[in-house]
Amino acid sequence: MNILLITSGFQGVYSFFEQRIAGALQKAGHHCASFQPGSVQSVFRLKQQLRQPDFILLMAGVRTPKAVLEFIRQSGVKSAVWMTEDPYYMDWTVPIAGYFDYIFTIEEAALEHYKALGHSRVYHLPLGTDPALFAPSPVSAEFESDLCLVGVPYRNRIELIDVLLADTDYHIQLVGRGWSRYVQEWSRHSGPRIGLVNAWVKPETAANYYNGAKIVLNIHRLSDERYNRNRMGVAAQSINNRTYDTAACAAFQLTDYRIGLGGQFEEGTEIISYQNKQDFLQKLRYYMDHGQERRQIAEAARQRVLGAHTFEHRIQQLLETIQD
């Protein structure tokens, strides 16, 4: 097929996602051209680039100009949107769903909401990972830690660090924008127990931190985080793409429980989740003291990823859906 991939307009990790998705489409034997719409004027460039594609795939959609959406709908070309920010921005994603023939969403809880609005071709499709980049690898001392958390300081993550500082003496590595003001306060009371990289890091750098940690803390974003645009209150059930990236590194992770976890990994043998503070601390201490068991679980998670959760797997599922 001749496929036009319209990118999200986001920078940072989205560039990585979109490059891997384009590569997976090409690896599957399709021609893929990428297009980044930045303004209404970009519609003219889109018309020039269209060249009769068989399929148009839009990533995220929340930053796509309405003129581009209208052009997609009027083109007569089979189209799909991959809603990769659900459910956190559903105030913005719901209005654009009607422009497309197919809707793919990373969030299982969003399916029924789209269907209730009359969209019949809606499918759950998580993001995948690239096991060539996220892979087991020795790292230098700067990336080593007892515990590592990569991501921005949502309130549940802040609360978890408070728990760790109060009830444990582990070294904690935080990686992500926005942590500095919290670390300054924590350091006054807890000393130099926290390493900080107060910036977004490239995926290959994140992989180094995963590989250097005894335990990666994978704490999901809350459905009612104040930055969200989710007035419908759709409660997230699905796991994030960091779950796949960490597992691909054969790095042991401890994650907060979500209903959708069991459909992706086997609890207890491929991944460990916790339900509350007490459960978290109990499992954290146990696995910190049982390194061989950590490594066995982490390796089993990597094998699951290699067999089911790469970008190639996701693109195969997407294409089979639209060709069925």
C-alpha atoms as a PDB file:
ATOM      1  CA  MET A   1       0.000   0.000   0.000  1.00  0.00           C
ATOM      2  CA  ASN A   2       0.922   3.626  -0.459  1.00  0.00           C
ATOM      3  CA  ILE A   3       0.493   5.102   3.051  1.00  0.00           C
ATOM      4  CA  LEU A   4       0.525   8.716   4.171  1.00  0.00           C
ATOM      5  CA  LEU A   5       1.526   9.106   7.827  1.00  0.00           C
ATOM      6  CA  ILE A   6       0.449  12.487   9.232  1.00  0.00           C
ATOM      7  CA  THR A   7       2.509  13.206  12.319  1.00  0.00           C
ATOM      8  CA  SER A   8       1.219  14.544  15.618  1.00  0.00           C
ATOM      9  CA  GLY A   9       2.935  17.915  15.728  1.00  0.00           C
ATOM     10  CA  PHE A  10       4.441  16.997  19.115  1.00  0.00           C
ATOM     11  CA  GLN A  11       8.193  16.930  19.628  1.00  0.00           C
ATOM     12  CA  GLY A  12      10.236  14.826  22.045  1.00  0.00           C
ATOM     13  CA  VAL A  13       9.213  11.198  22.293  1.00  0.00           C
ATOM     14  CA  TYR A  14       6.635  11.535  19.499  1.00  0.00           C
ATOM     15  CA  SER A  15       9.425  11.889  16.948  1.00  0.00           C
ATOM     16  CA  PHE A  16      10.691   8.517  18.133  1.00  0.00           C
ATOM     17  CA  PHE A  17       7.218   6.938  17.939  1.00  0.00           C
ATOM     18  CA  GLU A  18       6.584   8.232  14.450  1.00  0.00           C
ATOM     19  CA  GLN A  19       9.971   7.201  13.093  1.00  0.00           C
ATOM     20  CA  ARG A  20       9.460   3.672  14.410  1.00  0.00           C
ATOM     21  CA  ILE A  21       5.918   3.478  13.046  1.00  0.00           C
ATOM     22  CA  ALA A  22       7.066   4.642   9.609  1.00  0.00           C
ATOM     23  CA  GLY A  23       9.857   2.076   9.759  1.00  0.00           C
ATOM     24  CA  ALA A  24       7.433  -0.687  10.737  1.00  0.00           C
ATOM     25  CA  LEU A  25       5.148   0.195   7.833  1.00  0.00           C
ATOM     26  CA  GLN A  26       8.056   0.077   5.412  1.00  0.00           C
ATOM     27  CA  LYS A  27       9.332  -3.185   6.931  1.00  0.00           C
ATOM     28  CA  ALA A  28       5.886  -4.645   6.290  1.00  0.00           C
ATOM     29  CA  GLY A  29       6.393  -3.915   2.593  1.00  0.00           C
ATOM     30  CA  HIS A  30       4.473  -0.648   2.248  1.00  0.00           C
ATOM     31  CA  HIS A  31       5.558   2.726   0.955  1.00  0.00           C
ATOM     32  CA  CYS A  32       5.199   5.325   3.720  1.00  0.00           C
ATOM     33  CA  ALA A  33       5.505   9.085   3.314  1.00  0.00           C
ATOM     34  CA  SER A  34       5.391  11.291   6.426  1.00  0.00           C
ATOM     35  CA  PHE A  35       3.781  14.708   6.546  1.00  0.00           C
ATOM     36  CA  GLN A  36       3.832  17.229   9.399  1.00  0.00           C
ATOM     37  CA  PRO A  37       0.909  19.688   9.347  1.00  0.00           C
ATOM     38  CA  GLY A  38       1.827  22.914  11.075  1.00  0.00           C
ATOM     39  CA  SER A  39      -0.848  25.340   9.894  1.00  0.00           C
ATOM     40  CA  VAL A  40      -3.851  25.759   7.630  1.00  0.00           C
ATOM     41  CA  GLN A  41      -1.421  26.584   4.802  1.00  0.00           C
ATOM     42  CA  SER A  42      -0.055  23.065   5.124  1.00  0.00           C
ATOM     43  CA  VAL A  43      -3.174  21.750   3.370  1.00  0.00           C
ATOM     44  CA  PHE A  44      -1.719  22.922   0.073  1.00  0.00           C
ATOM     45  CA  ARG A  45       1.458  20.959   0.751  1.00  0.00           C
ATOM     46  CA  LEU A  46      -0.664  17.983   1.764  1.00  0.00           C
ATOM     47  CA  LYS A  47      -2.452  18.081  -1.596  1.00  0.00           C
ATOM     48  CA  GLN A  48       0.903  18.094  -3.362  1.00  0.00           C
ATOM     49  CA  GLN A  49       2.150  15.162  -1.300  1.00  0.00           C
ATOM     50  CA  LEU A  50      -1.051  13.120  -1.437  1.00  0.00           C
ATOM     51  CA  ARG A  51      -0.263  11.279  -4.706  1.00  0.00           C
ATOM     52  CA  GLN A  52      -3.209   8.948  -4.345  1.00  0.00           C
ATOM     53  CA  PRO A  53      -2.375   7.090  -1.125  1.00  0.00           C
ATOM     54  CA  ASP A  54      -4.329   3.961  -0.299  1.00  0.00           C
ATOM     55  CA  PHE A  55      -4.458   4.813   3.383  1.00  0.00           C
ATOM     56  CA  ILE A  56      -3.961   7.854   5.652  1.00  0.00           C
ATOM     57  CA  LEU A  57      -2.879   7.400   9.268  1.00  0.00           C
ATOM     58  CA  LEU A  58      -2.918  10.372  11.643  1.00  0.00           C
ATOM     59  CA  MET A  59      -1.059  10.266  14.946  1.00  0.00           C
ATOM     60  CA  ALA A  60      -2.775  11.745  18.055  1.00  0.00           C
ATOM     61  CA  GLY A  61      -4.697  14.431  16.163  1.00  0.00           C
ATOM     62  CA  VAL A  62      -5.042  16.963  18.970  1.00  0.00           C
ATOM     63  CA  ARG A  63      -2.754  19.467  17.223  1.00  0.00           C
ATOM     64  CA  THR A  64      -3.987  18.907  13.692  1.00  0.00           C
ATOM     65  CA  PRO A  65      -5.515  21.989  12.011  1.00  0.00           C
ATOM     66  CA  LYS A  66      -9.200  21.607  11.204  1.00  0.00           C
ATOM     67  CA  ALA A  67      -8.503  22.288   7.541  1.00  0.00           C
ATOM     68  CA  VAL A  68      -6.283  19.204   7.420  1.00  0.00           C
ATOM     69  CA  LEU A  69      -8.983  17.123   9.111  1.00  0.00           C
ATOM     70  CA  GLU A  70     -11.537  18.342   6.588  1.00  0.00           C
ATOM     71  CA  PHE A  71      -9.179  17.530   3.744  1.00  0.00           C
ATOM     72  CA  ILE A  72      -8.727  13.973   5.039  1.00  0.00           C
ATOM     73  CA  ARG A  73     -12.484  13.472   5.286  1.00  0.00           C
ATOM     74  CA  GLN A  74     -13.123  14.832   1.791  1.00  0.00           C
ATOM     75  CA  SER A  75     -10.229  12.986   0.145  1.00  0.00           C
ATOM     76  CA  GLY A  76     -12.147   9.724  -0.211  1.00  0.00           C
ATOM     77  CA  VAL A  77      -9.071   7.832   1.012  1.00  0.00           C
ATOM     78  CA  LYS A  78      -9.436   5.225   3.749  1.00  0.00           C
ATOM     79  CA  SER A  79      -8.238   6.871   6.964  1.00  0.00           C
ATOM     80  CA  ALA A  80      -7.526   6.163  10.613  1.00  0.00           C
ATOM     81  CA  VAL A  81      -6.457   8.104  13.679  1.00  0.00           C
ATOM     82  CA  TRP A  82      -4.320   6.577  16.407  1.00  0.00           C
ATOM     83  CA  MET A  83      -5.444   8.259  19.641  1.00  0.00           C
ATOM     84  CA  THR A  84      -2.228   8.057  21.640  1.00  0.00           C
ATOM     85  CA  GLU A  85      -3.201  10.556  24.363  1.00  0.00           C
ATOM     86  CA  ASP A  86      -6.398   8.860  25.568  1.00  0.00           C
ATOM     87  CA  PRO A  87      -8.003   9.244  28.032  1.00  0.00           C
ATOM     88  CA  TYR A  88      -6.135  12.324  29.204  1.00  0.00           C
ATOM     89  CA  TYR A  89      -7.170  14.620  26.347  1.00  0.00           C
ATOM     90  CA  MET A  90     -10.540  13.208  25.363  1.00  0.00           C
ATOM     91  CA  ASP A  91     -12.085  16.676  25.432  1.00  0.00           C
ATOM     92  CA  TRP A  92      -9.982  17.222  22.302  1.00  0.00           C
ATOM     93  CA  THR A  93      -9.975  13.753  20.748  1.00  0.00           C
ATOM     94  CA  VAL A  94     -13.715  13.085  20.794  1.00  0.00           C
ATOM     95  CA  PRO A  95     -14.540  16.009  18.416  1.00  0.00           C
ATOM     96  CA  ILE A  96     -12.073  14.811  15.772  1.00  0.00           C
ATOM     97  CA  ALA A  97     -13.087  11.146  15.774  1.00  0.00           C
ATOM     98  CA  GLY A  98     -15.796  11.692  13.167  1.00  0.00           C
ATOM     99  CA  TYR A  99     -13.287  12.662  10.490  1.00  0.00           C
ATOM    100  CA  PHE A 100     -11.942   9.101  10.204  1.00  0.00           C
ATOM    101  CA  ASP A 101     -13.059   5.667   9.031  1.00  0.00           C
ATOM    102  CA  TYR A 102     -11.193   3.888  11.822  1.00  0.00           C
ATOM    103  CA  ILE A 103     -10.278   4.892  15.369  1.00  0.00           C
ATOM    104  CA  PHE A 104      -7.439   3.212  17.220  1.00  0.00           C
ATOM    105  CA  THR A 105      -6.921   4.139  20.857  1.00  0.00           C
ATOM    106  CA  ILE A 106      -4.260   3.177  23.385  1.00  0.00           C
ATOM    107  CA  GLU A 107      -6.903   3.206  26.142  1.00  0.00           C
ATOM    108  CA  GLU A 108      -9.397   0.357  26.513  1.00  0.00           C
ATOM    109  CA  ALA A 109     -11.711   2.493  28.651  1.00  0.00           C
ATOM    110  CA  ALA A 110     -12.139   4.934  25.762  1.00  0.00           C
ATOM    111  CA  LEU A 111     -13.640   2.335  23.415  1.00  0.00           C
ATOM    112  CA  GLU A 112     -17.184   2.478  24.731  1.00  0.00           C
ATOM    113  CA  HIS A 113     -17.194   6.272  24.765  1.00  0.00           C
ATOM    114  CA  TYR A 114     -16.367   6.449  21.071  1.00  0.00           C
ATOM    115  CA  LYS A 115     -18.879   3.709  20.264  1.00  0.00           C
ATOM    116  CA  ALA A 116     -21.594   5.532  22.202  1.00  0.00           C
ATOM    117  CA  LEU A 117     -21.044   8.489  19.878  1.00  0.00           C
ATOM    118  CA  GLY A 118     -21.804   6.295  16.877  1.00  0.00           C
ATOM    119  CA  HIS A 119     -18.324   5.168  15.847  1.00  0.00           C
ATOM    120  CA  SER A 120     -18.506   1.458  15.044  1.00  0.00           C
ATOM    121  CA  ARG A 121     -14.921   0.836  13.932  1.00  0.00           C
ATOM    122  CA  VAL A 122     -13.032   1.527  17.153  1.00  0.00           C
ATOM    123  CA  TYR A 123     -10.156  -0.675  18.335  1.00  0.00           C
ATOM    124  CA  HIS A 124      -7.726  -0.889  21.217  1.00  0.00           C
ATOM    125  CA  LEU A 125      -4.144  -0.551  19.963  1.00  0.00           C
ATOM    126  CA  PRO A 126      -1.388   0.228  22.489  1.00  0.00           C
ATOM    127  CA  LEU A 127       1.882   1.764  21.443  1.00  0.00           C
ATOM    128  CA  GLY A 128       4.743  -0.687  21.123  1.00  0.00           C
ATOM    129  CA  THR A 129       8.475  -0.582  21.666  1.00  0.00           C
ATOM    130  CA  ASP A 130      11.676  -0.922  19.678  1.00  0.00           C
ATOM    131  CA  PRO A 131      13.686  -3.817  21.159  1.00  0.00           C
ATOM    132  CA  ALA A 132      16.744  -2.809  19.155  1.00  0.00           C
ATOM    133  CA  LEU A 133      16.940   0.438  21.129  1.00  0.00           C
ATOM    134  CA  PHE A 134      15.383  -0.740  24.389  1.00  0.00           C
ATOM    135  CA  ALA A 135      17.596  -3.735  25.069  1.00  0.00           C
ATOM    136  CA  PRO A 136      19.709  -5.132  27.915  1.00  0.00           C
ATOM    137  CA  SER A 137      23.039  -3.339  28.018  1.00  0.00           C
ATOM    138  CA  PRO A 138      25.780  -2.598  30.561  1.00  0.00           C
ATOM    139  CA  VAL A 139      25.867   1.064  31.599  1.00  0.00           C
ATOM    140  CA  SER A 140      28.309   3.388  33.326  1.00  0.00           C
ATOM    141  CA  ALA A 141      28.008   4.353  36.989  1.00  0.00           C
ATOM    142  CA  GLU A 142      26.151   7.596  36.232  1.00  0.00           C
ATOM    143  CA  PHE A 143      23.095   5.571  35.201  1.00  0.00           C
ATOM    144  CA  GLU A 144      23.080   3.188  38.166  1.00  0.00           C
ATOM    145  CA  SER A 145      20.575   3.414  41.019  1.00  0.00           C
ATOM    146  CA  ASP A 146      18.525   1.381  43.439  1.00  0.00           C
ATOM    147  CA  LEU A 147      15.282   2.875  42.164  1.00  0.00           C
ATOM    148  CA  CYS A 148      14.629   4.870  39.011  1.00  0.00           C
ATOM    149  CA  LEU A 149      11.578   6.854  37.960  1.00  0.00           C
ATOM    150  CA  VAL A 150      11.478   8.368  34.476  1.00  0.00           C
ATOM    151  CA  GLY A 151       8.652  10.853  33.899  1.00  0.00           C
ATOM    152  CA  VAL A 152       7.223  14.154  35.035  1.00  0.00           C
ATOM    153  CA  PRO A 153       6.120  14.810  38.643  1.00  0.00           C
ATOM    154  CA  TYR A 154       2.439  13.941  38.673  1.00  0.00           C
ATOM    155  CA  ARG A 155       1.010  14.053  42.156  1.00  0.00           C
ATOM    156  CA  ASN A 156       0.868  10.277  42.661  1.00  0.00           C
ATOM    157  CA  ARG A 157       4.550  10.075  41.754  1.00  0.00           C
ATOM    158  CA  ILE A 158       5.404  12.837  44.208  1.00  0.00           C
ATOM    159  CA  GLU A 159       3.452  11.040  46.923  1.00  0.00           C
ATOM    160  CA  LEU A 160       5.338   7.829  46.203  1.00  0.00           C
ATOM    161  CA  ILE A 161       8.725   9.522  46.558  1.00  0.00           C
ATOM    162  CA  ASP A 162       7.522  10.952  49.892  1.00  0.00           C
ATOM    163  CA  VAL A 163       6.770   7.383  51.005  1.00  0.00           C
ATOM    164  CA  LEU A 164      10.177   6.138  49.884  1.00  0.00           C
ATOM    165  CA  LEU A 165      12.051   8.907  51.682  1.00  0.00           C
ATOM    166  CA  ALA A 166      10.078   8.343  54.884  1.00  0.00           C
ATOM    167  CA  ASP A 167      10.174   4.544  54.984  1.00  0.00           C
ATOM    168  CA  THR A 168      13.307   3.388  53.098  1.00  0.00           C
ATOM    169  CA  ASP A 169      16.946   4.361  52.606  1.00  0.00           C
ATOM    170  CA  TYR A 170      17.290   3.452  48.914  1.00  0.00           C
ATOM    171  CA  HIS A 171      19.012   5.676  46.370  1.00  0.00           C
ATOM    172  CA  ILE A 172      16.434   7.160  43.976  1.00  0.00           C
ATOM    173  CA  GLN A 173      17.143   8.429  40.457  1.00  0.00           C
ATOM    174  CA  LEU A 174      14.541  10.860  39.050  1.00  0.00           C
ATOM    175  CA  VAL A 175      14.577  11.719  35.349  1.00  0.00           C
ATOM    176  CA  GLY A 176      12.167  14.265  33.890  1.00  0.00           C
ATOM    177  CA  ARG A 177      11.211  17.926  33.742  1.00  0.00           C
ATOM    178  CA  GLY A 178       9.751  19.581  36.822  1.00  0.00           C
ATOM    179  CA  TRP A 179      11.367  17.629  39.665  1.00  0.00           C
ATOM    180  CA  SER A 180      13.923  20.210  40.782  1.00  0.00           C
ATOM    181  CA  ARG A 181      11.755  22.170  43.214  1.00  0.00           C
ATOM    182  CA  TYR A 182      10.654  18.984  44.965  1.00  0.00           C
ATOM    183  CA  VAL A 183      14.178  17.586  45.153  1.00  0.00           C
ATOM    184  CA  GLN A 184      15.464  20.771  46.739  1.00  0.00           C
ATOM    185  CA  GLU A 185      12.983  20.397  49.581  1.00  0.00           C
ATOM    186  CA  TRP A 186      13.532  16.652  49.952  1.00  0.00           C
ATOM    187  CA  SER A 187      17.301  17.066  50.049  1.00  0.00           C
ATOM    188  CA  ARG A 188      17.077  19.419  53.032  1.00  0.00           C
ATOM    189  CA  HIS A 189      15.471  16.668  55.068  1.00  0.00           C
ATOM    190  CA  SER A 190      16.803  13.447  53.543  1.00  0.00           C
ATOM    191  CA  GLY A 191      20.293  14.315  52.366  1.00  0.00           C
ATOM    192  CA  PRO A 192      21.840  13.315  49.012  1.00  0.00           C
ATOM    193  CA  ARG A 193      19.689  10.251  48.371  1.00  0.00           C
ATOM    194  CA  ILE A 194      18.154  11.528  45.152  1.00  0.00           C
ATOM    195  CA  GLY A 195      19.847  11.813  41.788  1.00  0.00           C
ATOM    196  CA  LEU A 196      18.164  14.266  39.449  1.00  0.00           C
ATOM    197  CA  VAL A 197      18.103  14.844  35.712  1.00  0.00           C
ATOM    198  CA  ASN A 198      15.635  17.707  35.443  1.00  0.00           C
ATOM    199  CA  ALA A 199      15.027  17.354  31.703  1.00  0.00           C
ATOM    200  CA  TRP A 200      13.327  15.234  29.094  1.00  0.00           C
ATOM    201  CA  VAL A 201      15.836  12.657  27.864  1.00  0.00           C
ATOM    202  CA  LYS A 202      16.054  10.811  24.577  1.00  0.00           C
ATOM    203  CA  PRO A 203      14.749   7.237  24.467  1.00  0.00           C
ATOM    204  CA  GLU A 204      18.264   5.810  24.257  1.00  0.00           C
ATOM    205  CA  THR A 205      19.186   7.710  27.428  1.00  0.00           C
ATOM    206  CA  ALA A 206      16.044   6.509  29.199  1.00  0.00           C
ATOM    207  CA  ALA A 207      17.069   2.961  28.259  1.00  0.00           C
ATOM    208  CA  ASN A 208      20.386   3.504  30.053  1.00  0.00           C
ATOM    209  CA  TYR A 209      18.571   4.523  33.240  1.00  0.00           C
ATOM    210  CA  TYR A 210      16.301   1.480  33.000  1.00  0.00           C
ATOM    211  CA  ASN A 211      19.310  -0.792  32.561  1.00  0.00           C
ATOM    212  CA  GLY A 212      21.131   0.834  35.455  1.00  0.00           C
ATOM    213  CA  ALA A 213      18.336   0.499  38.023  1.00  0.00           C
ATOM    214  CA  LYS A 214      17.737  -2.447  40.309  1.00  0.00           C
ATOM    215  CA  ILE A 215      14.037  -1.560  40.170  1.00  0.00           C
ATOM    216  CA  VAL A 216      12.283   0.781  37.744  1.00  0.00           C
ATOM    217  CA  LEU A 217       9.240   2.508  39.242  1.00  0.00           C
ATOM    218  CA  ASN A 218       6.542   2.745  36.584  1.00  0.00           C
ATOM    219  CA  ILE A 219       3.800   4.971  38.003  1.00  0.00           C
ATOM    220  CA  HIS A 220       0.908   5.752  35.659  1.00  0.00           C
ATOM    221  CA  ARG A 221      -0.593   9.159  35.110  1.00  0.00           C
ATOM    222  CA  LEU A 222      -3.836   9.757  36.998  1.00  0.00           C
ATOM    223  CA  SER A 223      -7.048  10.132  35.024  1.00  0.00           C
ATOM    224  CA  ASP A 224      -7.907  13.311  36.956  1.00  0.00           C
ATOM    225  CA  GLU A 225      -4.462  14.939  36.888  1.00  0.00           C
ATOM    226  CA  ARG A 226      -4.935  18.708  36.777  1.00  0.00           C
ATOM    227  CA  TYR A 227      -3.166  18.988  33.403  1.00  0.00           C
ATOM    228  CA  ASN A 228      -5.684  16.673  31.748  1.00  0.00           C
ATOM    229  CA  ARG A 229      -8.571  17.582  29.491  1.00  0.00           C
ATOM    230  CA  ASN A 230     -10.914  14.771  30.477  1.00  0.00           C
ATOM    231  CA  ARG A 231     -14.234  16.281  31.596  1.00  0.00           C
ATOM    232  CA  MET A 232     -16.007  12.988  30.909  1.00  0.00           C
ATOM    233  CA  GLY A 233     -13.900  11.489  33.674  1.00  0.00           C
ATOM    234  CA  VAL A 234     -12.859   8.435  31.676  1.00  0.00           C
ATOM    235  CA  ALA A 235     -10.823   6.346  34.124  1.00  0.00           C
ATOM    236  CA  ALA A 236      -7.701   4.892  32.545  1.00  0.00           C
ATOM    237  CA  GLN A 237      -7.394   1.097  32.572  1.00  0.00           C
ATOM    238  CA  SER A 238      -4.560   0.480  30.123  1.00  0.00           C
ATOM    239  CA  ILE A 239      -0.821   0.458  30.756  1.00  0.00           C
ATOM    240  CA  ASN A 240       1.595   3.019  29.359  1.00  0.00           C
ATOM    241  CA  ASN A 241       4.253   2.481  26.698  1.00  0.00           C
ATOM    242  CA  ARG A 242       6.971   2.773  29.379  1.00  0.00           C
ATOM    243  CA  THR A 243       5.868  -0.667  30.548  1.00  0.00           C
ATOM    244  CA  TYR A 244       6.944  -2.135  27.194  1.00  0.00           C
ATOM    245  CA  ASP A 245      10.158  -0.086  26.973  1.00  0.00           C
ATOM    246  CA  THR A 246      11.293  -1.123  30.446  1.00  0.00           C
ATOM    247  CA  ALA A 247      10.439  -4.757  29.820  1.00  0.00           C
ATOM    248  CA  ALA A 248      12.332  -4.700  26.516  1.00  0.00           C
ATOM    249  CA  CYS A 249      15.472  -3.736  28.467  1.00  0.00           C
ATOM    250  CA  ALA A 250      14.983  -6.798  30.697  1.00  0.00           C
ATOM    251  CA  ALA A 251      14.809  -4.286  33.538  1.00  0.00           C
ATOM    252  CA  PHE A 252      12.695  -5.229  36.527  1.00  0.00           C
ATOM    253  CA  GLN A 253       9.769  -2.865  37.087  1.00  0.00           C
ATOM    254  CA  LEU A 254       7.309  -2.329  39.888  1.00  0.00           C
ATOM    255  CA  THR A 255       4.136  -0.717  38.571  1.00  0.00           C
ATOM    256  CA  ASP A 256       0.858   0.462  39.989  1.00  0.00           C
ATOM    257  CA  TYR A 257      -1.932  -1.950  39.129  1.00  0.00           C
ATOM    258  CA  ARG A 258      -4.221  -1.363  36.168  1.00  0.00           C
ATOM    259  CA  ILE A 259      -6.972  -3.614  34.900  1.00  0.00           C
ATOM    260  CA  GLY A 260      -5.398  -3.788  31.458  1.00  0.00           C
ATOM    261  CA  LEU A 261      -2.084  -5.098  32.765  1.00  0.00           C
ATOM    262  CA  GLY A 262      -3.153  -8.722  32.780  1.00  0.00           C
ATOM    263  CA  GLY A 263      -3.960  -8.728  29.074  1.00  0.00           C
ATOM    264  CA  GLN A 264      -0.407  -7.683  28.227  1.00  0.00           C
ATOM    265  CA  PHE A 265       1.820  -9.416  30.814  1.00  0.00           C
ATOM    266  CA  GLU A 266       1.431 -12.268  33.278  1.00  0.00           C
ATOM    267  CA  GLU A 267       1.320 -10.961  36.828  1.00  0.00           C
ATOM    268  CA  GLY A 268       3.891 -12.546  39.130  1.00  0.00           C
ATOM    269  CA  THR A 269       6.050 -14.152  36.444  1.00  0.00           C
ATOM    270  CA  GLU A 270       6.511 -11.329  33.897  1.00  0.00           C
ATOM    271  CA  ILE A 271       5.624  -8.218  35.875  1.00  0.00           C
ATOM    272  CA  ILE A 272       4.911  -7.155  39.442  1.00  0.00           C
ATOM    273  CA  SER A 273       2.246  -4.612  40.348  1.00  0.00           C
ATOM    274  CA  TYR A 274       1.067  -3.163  43.636  1.00  0.00           C
ATOM    275  CA  GLN A 275      -2.335  -2.074  44.947  1.00  0.00           C
ATOM    276  CA  ASN A 276      -1.538   0.379  47.777  1.00  0.00           C
ATOM    277  CA  LYS A 277       1.260   1.860  49.879  1.00  0.00           C
ATOM    278  CA  GLN A 278       1.650  -1.176  52.120  1.00  0.00           C
ATOM    279  CA  ASP A 279       1.706  -3.550  49.162  1.00  0.00           C
ATOM    280  CA  PHE A 280       4.212  -1.326  47.393  1.00  0.00           C
ATOM    281  CA  LEU A 281       6.677  -1.255  50.279  1.00  0.00           C
ATOM    282  CA  GLN A 282       6.354  -4.974  50.938  1.00  0.00           C
ATOM    283  CA  LYS A 283       7.039  -5.921  47.312  1.00  0.00           C
ATOM    284  CA  LEU A 284       9.753  -3.322  46.928  1.00  0.00           C
ATOM    285  CA  ARG A 285      11.707  -4.671  49.894  1.00  0.00           C
ATOM    286  CA  TYR A 286      11.183  -8.263  48.846  1.00  0.00           C
ATOM    287  CA  TYR A 287      12.470  -7.820  45.312  1.00  0.00           C
ATOM    288  CA  MET A 288      15.350  -5.591  46.373  1.00  0.00           C
ATOM    289  CA  ASP A 289      16.511  -8.557  48.481  1.00  0.00           C
ATOM    290  CA  HIS A 290      15.928 -11.189  45.775  1.00  0.00           C
ATOM    291  CA  GLY A 291      18.059 -10.202  42.810  1.00  0.00           C
ATOM    292  CA  GLN A 292      17.897 -13.538  41.012  1.00  0.00           C
ATOM    293  CA  GLU A 293      14.112 -13.524  41.096  1.00  0.00           C
ATOM    294  CA  ARG A 294      14.100  -9.943  39.793  1.00  0.00           C
ATOM    295  CA  ARG A 295      16.260 -10.938  36.865  1.00  0.00           C
ATOM    296  CA  GLN A 296      14.109 -13.960  36.007  1.00  0.00           C
ATOM    297  CA  ILE A 297      10.919 -11.899  35.958  1.00  0.00           C
ATOM    298  CA  ALA A 298      12.549  -9.117  33.937  1.00  0.00           C
ATOM    299  CA  GLU A 299      13.851 -11.574  31.342  1.00  0.00           C
ATOM    300  CA  ALA A 300      10.421 -13.186  31.044  1.00  0.00           C
ATOM    301  CA  ALA A 301       8.931  -9.727  30.434  1.00  0.00           C
ATOM    302  CA  ARG A 302      11.463  -9.088  27.672  1.00  0.00           C
ATOM    303  CA  GLN A 303      10.564 -12.348  25.972  1.00  0.00           C
ATOM    304  CA  ARG A 304       6.876 -11.381  26.098  1.00  0.00           C
ATOM    305  CA  VAL A 305       7.698  -8.033  24.479  1.00  0.00           C
ATOM    306  CA  LEU A 306       9.755  -9.660  21.736  1.00  0.00           C
ATOM    307  CA  GLY A 307       6.866 -11.975  20.937  1.00  0.00           C
ATOM    308  CA  ALA A 308       3.929  -9.568  21.153  1.00  0.00           C
ATOM    309  CA  HIS A 309       4.633  -5.902  21.880  1.00  0.00           C
ATOM    310  CA  THR A 310       6.914  -4.321  19.292  1.00  0.00           C
ATOM    311  CA  PHE A 311       5.927  -1.597  16.836  1.00  0.00           C
ATOM    312  CA  GLU A 312       5.981  -4.262  14.123  1.00  0.00           C
ATOM    313  CA  HIS A 313       3.302  -6.203  16.033  1.00  0.00           C
ATOM    314  CA  ARG A 314       1.144  -3.092  16.383  1.00  0.00           C
ATOM    315  CA  ILE A 315       1.383  -2.142  12.715  1.00  0.00           C
ATOM    316  CA  GLN A 316       0.534  -5.707  11.684  1.00  0.00           C
ATOM    317  CA  GLN A 317      -2.584  -5.557  13.862  1.00  0.00           C
ATOM    318  CA  LEU A 318      -3.574  -2.143  12.495  1.00  0.00           C
ATOM    319  CA  LEU A 319      -3.162  -3.167   8.862  1.00  0.00           C
ATOM    320  CA  GLU A 320      -4.998  -6.454   9.340  1.00  0.00           C
ATOM    321  CA  THR A 321      -7.879  -4.501  10.860  1.00  0.00           C
ATOM    322  CA  ILE A 322      -8.270  -2.031   8.015  1.00  0.00           C
ATOM    323  CA  GLN A 323      -7.836  -4.740   5.347  1.00  0.00           C
ATOM    324  CA  ASP A 324     -10.324  -7.164   6.906  1.00  0.00           C
END
